[in-house]
């Protein structure tokens, strides 16, 4: 017998699942735009400027971010907030047993209080117009209270609900999301890192024309790769987290914490809402369609896509010295015909660690030898 799909979720809340799927679709569009933009190779233009005994690498130009990116980001965040608000309103109306009048309906909202005092003031301020289903002491208000940012003892402003409210208030009343190019790191082509610990991460601030991003001895050329990303500003702060990370953390919290806890009143059930299911067509059985959805969110798909693109680039540099019979063109063609997942699987065979660990070096050389043979076989078959 087939297990029921999301048995904890009443039919009255199936609409929230489609809203979450729509948000994931919007985030997927953001990811596609960012992938094309960041992999264009033309995001940052740099020129060398003599400066005494050194040469400064100065940012000469930054490619404009597509206007559609911040618009889609704002749409996705507003949609995520709508999923919470719709769930809350539906539950209140269900408990009341009848449609709410306009005055009571306007009182139903999800606050994002960073202190208990702020939440208590919000409760008092709406006491006269709220329906009994969400009045002080009600079960639904208890659920709302349990999701408040002030429960994050350290930096409640970083709670996903606090960030969601911050972004959506700004997007609805002032401007869409504010985005900017950031430079994550610079990697010398002759020193490909084996782990994140080896990366020299740069400050989380927007890159601007005129920034000096590197220095080399005058007359010496060092081949290096730039790794830009797109940051999003948290309104009213100088914080610029990576855009896709911000969307991932907020959307995951809404889907895995906020909606389930508003519906059940307890810990999220083990059966999770899918990140996406087909919403371009109508379904006779919506619940069955949801059951065919995917748990892989758009942010994760983008992470795989970006990681595989970087891995393909790094594999060329890692494998080229392994044989005189290899060429960059053959390695590139071999990596291109592999799926993103297969590329990442091959890269994970190379284990990070200290470069003076001889056993680890030997293991990695052996793994590279296997990949070398795979490329040689591919090249022979292709020719």
Protein backbone atom coordinates (compact mmCIF):
# COMPACT_ATOMS: atom_id res chain seq x y z
CA UNK A 1 0.00 0.00 0.00
CA UNK A 2 1.36 3.43 -1.00
CA UNK A 3 2.16 5.69 1.94
CA UNK A 4 -0.03 8.83 2.09
CA UNK A 5 1.53 12.07 0.88
CA UNK A 6 2.13 14.55 3.72
CA UNK A 7 -0.49 12.98 6.02
CA UNK A 8 0.02 15.79 8.54
CA UNK A 9 -1.02 18.49 6.06
CA UNK A 10 -4.79 19.09 5.76
CA UNK A 11 -6.22 19.73 2.29
CA UNK A 12 -6.96 23.32 3.27
CA UNK A 13 -3.19 24.00 3.26
CA UNK A 14 -2.30 22.41 -0.08
CA UNK A 15 -2.30 25.88 -1.62
CA UNK A 16 0.69 26.81 0.55
CA UNK A 17 2.67 23.96 -1.04
CA UNK A 18 2.03 25.39 -4.51
CA UNK A 19 3.07 28.83 -3.25
CA UNK A 20 6.34 27.34 -2.04
CA UNK A 21 6.81 25.63 -5.40
CA UNK A 22 6.28 29.00 -7.12
CA UNK A 23 8.91 30.58 -4.85
CA UNK A 24 11.34 27.79 -5.73
CA UNK A 25 10.66 28.38 -9.42
CA UNK A 26 11.46 32.07 -9.00
CA UNK A 27 14.69 31.22 -7.15
CA UNK A 28 15.56 28.80 -9.95
CA UNK A 29 15.26 31.65 -12.44
CA UNK A 30 17.57 33.74 -10.24
CA UNK A 31 20.07 30.87 -10.20
CA UNK A 32 19.98 30.49 -13.99
CA UNK A 33 20.60 34.20 -14.50
CA UNK A 34 23.46 34.25 -11.99
CA UNK A 35 25.06 31.16 -13.52
CA UNK A 36 25.08 32.75 -16.98
CA UNK A 37 26.32 36.06 -15.58
CA UNK A 38 29.06 34.69 -13.32
CA UNK A 39 30.33 32.13 -15.85
CA UNK A 40 30.54 34.66 -18.68
CA UNK A 41 34.16 35.41 -17.78
CA UNK A 42 33.47 39.11 -18.19
CA UNK A 43 32.18 40.10 -14.75
CA UNK A 44 35.35 41.87 -13.60
CA UNK A 45 37.85 43.66 -15.84
CA UNK A 46 41.28 44.25 -14.28
CA UNK A 47 44.26 46.34 -15.37
CA UNK A 48 47.80 46.43 -14.04
CA UNK A 49 48.98 49.75 -12.59
CA UNK A 50 52.66 50.23 -11.62
CA UNK A 51 53.04 51.30 -8.00
CA UNK A 52 56.67 51.60 -7.03
CA UNK A 53 58.22 48.15 -6.81
CA UNK A 54 54.89 46.40 -7.27
CA UNK A 55 52.08 46.25 -9.77
CA UNK A 56 48.54 46.78 -8.53
CA UNK A 57 45.70 44.75 -10.03
CA UNK A 58 42.99 47.42 -10.19
CA UNK A 59 39.32 46.82 -10.96
CA UNK A 60 38.68 48.68 -14.18
CA UNK A 61 35.07 47.69 -14.83
CA UNK A 62 32.28 45.52 -13.43
CA UNK A 63 29.61 44.07 -15.72
CA UNK A 64 26.12 45.33 -14.80
CA UNK A 65 23.96 42.78 -13.01
CA UNK A 66 20.83 41.96 -15.04
CA UNK A 67 17.93 44.08 -13.80
CA UNK A 68 15.76 40.97 -13.62
CA UNK A 69 17.87 39.51 -10.80
CA UNK A 70 16.81 41.85 -7.96
CA UNK A 71 13.23 41.86 -9.24
CA UNK A 72 13.03 38.07 -9.14
CA UNK A 73 14.70 37.99 -5.73
CA UNK A 74 12.12 40.41 -4.34
CA UNK A 75 9.30 38.37 -5.91
CA UNK A 76 10.65 35.13 -4.39
CA UNK A 77 10.97 36.62 -0.89
CA UNK A 78 7.51 38.20 -1.01
CA UNK A 79 6.11 34.84 -2.16
CA UNK A 80 7.79 33.05 0.75
CA UNK A 81 6.27 35.53 3.18
CA UNK A 82 2.90 35.06 1.50
CA UNK A 83 3.12 31.30 2.10
CA UNK A 84 3.40 31.98 5.84
CA UNK A 85 0.63 34.57 5.88
CA UNK A 86 -1.72 32.38 3.82
CA UNK A 87 -1.14 29.40 6.10
CA UNK A 88 -1.81 31.49 9.19
CA UNK A 89 -4.98 33.05 7.77
CA UNK A 90 -6.34 29.70 6.58
CA UNK A 91 -5.77 28.12 9.99
CA UNK A 92 -7.43 30.99 11.85
CA UNK A 93 -10.45 30.90 9.57
CA UNK A 94 -10.70 27.11 9.97
CA UNK A 95 -10.66 27.34 13.77
CA UNK A 96 -13.24 30.13 13.69
CA UNK A 97 -15.48 27.94 11.55
CA UNK A 98 -16.58 30.73 9.22
CA UNK A 99 -15.11 33.51 7.04
CA UNK A 100 -13.68 36.45 8.96
CA UNK A 101 -15.17 39.90 8.63
CA UNK A 102 -12.91 42.55 7.12
CA UNK A 103 -11.90 44.06 10.45
CA UNK A 104 -10.82 40.74 11.92
CA UNK A 105 -9.17 39.65 8.66
CA UNK A 106 -6.92 42.72 8.67
CA UNK A 107 -5.62 41.74 12.11
CA UNK A 108 -4.21 38.41 10.92
CA UNK A 109 -0.51 38.72 10.21
CA UNK A 110 2.80 37.14 11.14
CA UNK A 111 4.94 39.49 13.24
CA UNK A 112 8.72 39.26 13.31
CA UNK A 113 9.57 40.40 16.84
CA UNK A 114 13.20 40.56 17.92
CA UNK A 115 12.36 40.94 21.61
CA UNK A 116 9.64 39.52 23.86
CA UNK A 117 8.56 43.06 24.75
CA UNK A 118 8.08 43.87 21.07
CA UNK A 119 5.90 40.78 20.65
CA UNK A 120 3.86 41.58 23.76
CA UNK A 121 3.21 45.10 22.44
CA UNK A 122 2.06 43.61 19.13
CA UNK A 123 -0.38 41.30 20.93
CA UNK A 124 -1.81 44.14 23.02
CA UNK A 125 -2.14 46.44 20.03
CA UNK A 126 -4.46 44.09 18.19
CA UNK A 127 -6.45 42.69 21.12
CA UNK A 128 -9.75 44.45 20.25
CA UNK A 129 -10.00 43.40 16.63
CA UNK A 130 -8.48 39.93 16.54
CA UNK A 131 -10.76 36.86 16.38
CA UNK A 132 -10.81 34.51 19.36
CA UNK A 133 -8.89 31.88 17.34
CA UNK A 134 -5.82 34.12 17.55
CA UNK A 135 -6.49 35.97 20.77
CA UNK A 136 -4.12 35.94 23.73
CA UNK A 137 -3.92 32.45 25.18
CA UNK A 138 -5.03 30.76 21.93
CA UNK A 139 -3.26 27.77 20.39
CA UNK A 140 -2.58 29.59 17.12
CA UNK A 141 -0.99 32.53 18.91
CA UNK A 142 1.20 30.05 20.76
CA UNK A 143 2.39 28.70 17.41
CA UNK A 144 3.07 32.20 16.13
CA UNK A 145 5.00 33.07 19.29
CA UNK A 146 7.17 29.97 18.91
CA UNK A 147 8.43 31.15 15.53
CA UNK A 148 9.51 34.61 16.66
CA UNK A 149 13.10 35.76 16.09
CA UNK A 150 13.71 36.59 19.76
CA UNK A 151 14.00 32.87 20.46
CA UNK A 152 17.39 33.10 18.73
CA UNK A 153 19.34 34.24 21.77
CA UNK A 154 22.37 35.47 19.83
CA UNK A 155 21.73 37.90 16.99
CA UNK A 156 17.92 37.59 16.66
CA UNK A 157 18.28 39.87 13.65
CA UNK A 158 19.81 36.90 11.83
CA UNK A 159 16.78 34.68 12.44
CA UNK A 160 15.26 33.69 9.06
CA UNK A 161 11.92 35.33 9.88
CA UNK A 162 13.65 38.58 10.86
CA UNK A 163 15.61 38.57 7.60
CA UNK A 164 12.51 37.71 5.58
CA UNK A 165 10.57 40.60 7.10
CA UNK A 166 13.53 42.96 6.60
CA UNK A 167 13.89 42.10 2.91
CA UNK A 168 10.18 42.06 2.06
CA UNK A 169 9.34 45.30 3.87
CA UNK A 170 12.11 47.00 1.91
CA UNK A 171 11.08 45.39 -1.38
CA UNK A 172 7.40 46.27 -0.98
CA UNK A 173 7.80 49.84 0.21
CA UNK A 174 11.13 51.12 -1.12
CA UNK A 175 13.05 49.26 -3.83
CA UNK A 176 13.56 45.67 -4.98
CA UNK A 177 16.46 43.72 -3.52
CA UNK A 178 19.79 45.52 -3.57
CA UNK A 179 22.50 43.36 -5.11
CA UNK A 180 26.16 43.87 -5.91
CA UNK A 181 29.18 41.96 -7.18
CA UNK A 182 31.49 40.59 -4.51
CA UNK A 183 34.87 38.95 -4.98
CA UNK A 184 34.99 35.74 -2.96
CA UNK A 185 38.62 34.87 -3.60
CA UNK A 186 41.50 34.88 -6.08
CA UNK A 187 43.19 31.56 -6.86
CA UNK A 188 46.60 31.32 -8.47
CA UNK A 189 46.45 28.88 -11.38
CA UNK A 190 49.57 27.10 -10.14
CA UNK A 191 48.14 26.68 -6.62
CA UNK A 192 44.71 25.12 -7.04
CA UNK A 193 43.32 24.68 -3.49
CA UNK A 194 42.27 21.26 -2.31
CA UNK A 195 39.96 22.57 0.42
CA UNK A 196 38.14 25.69 1.58
CA UNK A 197 40.72 26.08 4.33
CA UNK A 198 43.28 26.95 1.68
CA UNK A 199 41.21 29.77 0.23
CA UNK A 200 42.02 33.36 1.06
CA UNK A 201 38.47 34.64 1.43
CA UNK A 202 37.96 38.34 0.86
CA UNK A 203 35.77 40.70 2.94
CA UNK A 204 32.00 40.45 2.38
CA UNK A 205 31.67 43.89 0.80
CA UNK A 206 30.67 45.05 -2.69
CA UNK A 207 33.45 45.32 -5.24
CA UNK A 208 33.82 48.78 -6.74
CA UNK A 209 35.75 50.18 -9.68
CA UNK A 210 39.18 51.32 -8.50
CA UNK A 211 39.63 48.59 -5.85
CA UNK A 212 43.10 47.06 -5.70
CA UNK A 213 42.51 43.33 -5.49
CA UNK A 214 46.10 42.03 -5.72
CA UNK A 215 49.74 43.07 -5.89
CA UNK A 216 52.68 41.40 -7.60
CA UNK A 217 56.34 42.35 -7.98
CA UNK A 218 56.73 44.77 -10.88
CA UNK A 219 57.37 42.91 -14.13
CA UNK A 220 56.22 39.54 -12.77
CA UNK A 221 53.08 37.97 -14.23
CA UNK A 222 51.06 35.55 -12.11
CA UNK A 223 48.19 33.69 -13.77
CA UNK A 224 45.17 33.64 -11.48
CA UNK A 225 41.42 33.11 -11.56
CA UNK A 226 38.88 35.45 -10.01
CA UNK A 227 35.84 34.00 -8.27
CA UNK A 228 33.09 36.64 -8.10
CA UNK A 229 29.65 36.16 -6.61
CA UNK A 230 26.54 38.26 -6.10
CA UNK A 231 25.79 39.61 -2.65
CA UNK A 232 22.48 40.93 -1.33
CA UNK A 233 22.32 43.81 1.09
CA UNK A 234 20.35 43.34 4.28
CA UNK A 235 18.52 46.67 4.31
CA UNK A 236 19.75 49.14 6.89
CA UNK A 237 22.98 47.20 7.49
CA UNK A 238 26.42 46.87 5.95
CA UNK A 239 25.97 43.10 5.60
CA UNK A 240 26.28 41.58 2.11
CA UNK A 241 25.78 37.80 2.35
CA UNK A 242 25.94 35.69 -0.79
CA UNK A 243 22.56 36.07 -2.47
CA UNK A 244 21.87 32.38 -3.08
CA UNK A 245 22.89 31.52 0.50
CA UNK A 246 20.40 34.06 1.85
CA UNK A 247 17.62 32.69 -0.33
CA UNK A 248 18.50 29.13 0.64
CA UNK A 249 18.45 29.73 4.39
CA UNK A 250 15.19 31.69 4.34
CA UNK A 251 13.30 29.43 1.93
CA UNK A 252 14.43 26.28 3.74
CA UNK A 253 13.22 27.68 7.08
CA UNK A 254 9.82 28.65 5.67
CA UNK A 255 9.35 25.24 4.06
CA UNK A 256 10.81 23.03 6.81
CA UNK A 257 9.96 24.99 9.97
CA UNK A 258 7.44 27.81 9.64
CA UNK A 259 4.70 26.10 7.61
CA UNK A 260 4.84 22.70 9.40
CA UNK A 261 4.89 24.27 12.85
CA UNK A 262 2.02 26.63 12.07
CA UNK A 263 -0.03 23.68 10.83
CA UNK A 264 0.81 21.04 13.45
CA UNK A 265 1.70 23.15 16.48
CA UNK A 266 4.65 20.87 17.22
CA UNK A 267 8.01 19.82 15.84
CA UNK A 268 8.13 19.50 12.05
CA UNK A 269 6.99 16.02 10.92
CA UNK A 270 9.55 13.78 9.20
CA UNK A 271 7.64 13.98 5.90
CA UNK A 272 8.91 17.24 4.43
CA UNK A 273 7.15 19.47 1.94
CA UNK A 274 8.88 19.08 -1.44
CA UNK A 275 10.82 22.07 -2.67
CA UNK A 276 9.03 21.93 -6.01
CA UNK A 277 6.31 20.07 -7.90
CA UNK A 278 4.67 20.68 -11.26
CA UNK A 279 2.40 23.71 -11.04
CA UNK A 280 2.20 24.62 -14.74
CA UNK A 281 -0.72 22.23 -15.24
CA UNK A 282 -3.86 21.47 -13.25
CA UNK A 283 -4.09 18.23 -11.28
CA UNK A 284 -7.13 16.10 -10.53
CA UNK A 285 -5.23 14.82 -7.49
CA UNK A 286 -3.11 17.66 -6.12
CA UNK A 287 -1.73 15.59 -3.26
CA UNK A 288 -0.52 12.89 -5.64
CA UNK A 289 1.16 15.55 -7.79
CA UNK A 290 2.91 16.92 -4.71
CA UNK A 291 4.13 13.42 -3.96
CA UNK A 292 5.92 13.41 -7.33
CA UNK A 293 7.78 16.62 -6.47
CA UNK A 294 11.48 17.02 -5.76
CA UNK A 295 13.21 17.61 -2.45
CA UNK A 296 16.16 19.23 -4.24
CA UNK A 297 15.64 22.97 -3.94
CA UNK A 298 16.60 25.49 -6.61
CA UNK A 299 19.43 26.76 -4.40
CA UNK A 300 20.89 23.26 -4.19
CA UNK A 301 20.57 22.76 -7.95
CA UNK A 302 22.38 26.06 -8.49
CA UNK A 303 25.09 25.02 -6.03
CA UNK A 304 25.63 21.79 -7.95
CA UNK A 305 25.65 23.65 -11.26
CA UNK A 306 28.19 26.25 -10.05
CA UNK A 307 30.33 23.66 -8.29
CA UNK A 308 30.48 21.49 -11.38
CA UNK A 309 31.47 24.44 -13.57
CA UNK A 310 34.36 25.29 -11.24
CA UNK A 311 35.30 21.60 -10.97
CA UNK A 312 35.49 21.27 -14.76
CA UNK A 313 37.81 24.26 -14.84
CA UNK A 314 40.03 22.90 -12.04
CA UNK A 315 40.22 19.42 -13.55
CA UNK A 316 41.93 20.83 -16.63
CA UNK A 317 44.72 22.32 -14.53
CA UNK A 318 45.01 19.22 -12.34
CA UNK A 319 45.07 16.64 -15.15
CA UNK A 320 47.11 18.43 -17.81
CA UNK A 321 50.50 17.73 -16.12
CA UNK A 322 49.60 14.04 -15.74
CA UNK A 323 50.42 13.08 -19.33
CA UNK A 324 52.08 14.57 -22.41
CA UNK A 325 49.32 12.94 -24.44
CA UNK A 326 46.65 15.11 -22.82
CA UNK A 327 45.52 18.46 -24.11
CA UNK A 328 43.33 21.07 -22.49
CA UNK A 329 40.84 20.64 -25.33
CA UNK A 330 40.44 16.90 -24.73
CA UNK A 331 40.10 17.30 -20.96
CA UNK A 332 37.53 20.06 -21.46
CA UNK A 333 35.53 17.93 -23.89
CA UNK A 334 35.66 14.94 -21.52
CA UNK A 335 34.46 17.02 -18.55
CA UNK A 336 31.75 18.68 -20.64
CA UNK A 337 30.09 15.36 -21.53
CA UNK A 338 29.82 14.35 -17.88
CA UNK A 339 26.75 15.32 -15.86
CA UNK A 340 27.24 17.87 -13.09
CA UNK A 341 26.82 15.14 -10.48
CA UNK A 342 29.41 12.90 -12.18
CA UNK A 343 31.92 15.75 -12.37
CA UNK A 344 31.52 16.49 -8.67
CA UNK A 345 31.83 12.79 -7.83
CA UNK A 346 35.19 12.67 -9.60
CA UNK A 347 36.44 15.80 -7.89
CA UNK A 348 35.53 14.42 -4.46
CA UNK A 349 38.00 11.61 -5.07
CA UNK A 350 40.70 14.21 -4.44
CA UNK A 351 40.91 14.55 -0.68
CA UNK A 352 41.82 17.86 0.97
CA UNK A 353 44.54 18.06 3.57
CA UNK A 354 48.09 19.23 4.27
CA UNK A 355 50.30 19.25 1.18
CA UNK A 356 53.14 17.73 3.20
CA UNK A 357 51.06 14.65 4.06
CA UNK A 358 52.84 12.16 1.80
CA UNK A 359 50.23 9.43 2.12
CA UNK A 360 47.49 11.89 1.17
CA UNK A 361 49.54 13.20 -1.76
CA UNK A 362 50.09 9.64 -2.93
CA UNK A 363 46.37 8.92 -2.66
CA UNK A 364 45.49 12.01 -4.68
CA UNK A 365 48.10 11.22 -7.34
CA UNK A 366 46.54 7.77 -7.65
CA UNK A 367 43.07 9.28 -8.02
CA UNK A 368 44.36 11.68 -10.68
CA UNK A 369 45.99 8.75 -12.51
CA UNK A 370 42.61 7.00 -12.72
CA UNK A 371 41.02 10.16 -14.12
CA UNK A 372 43.93 10.59 -16.52
CA UNK A 373 43.33 7.11 -17.92
CA UNK A 374 39.63 7.86 -18.25
CA UNK A 375 40.39 11.00 -20.27
CA UNK A 376 42.90 9.17 -22.45
CA UNK A 377 40.32 6.49 -23.22
CA UNK A 378 37.77 9.19 -24.01
CA UNK A 379 40.22 10.95 -26.32
CA UNK A 380 41.12 7.73 -28.10
CA UNK A 381 37.48 6.86 -28.67
CA UNK A 382 36.69 10.36 -29.89
CA UNK A 383 39.53 10.30 -32.44
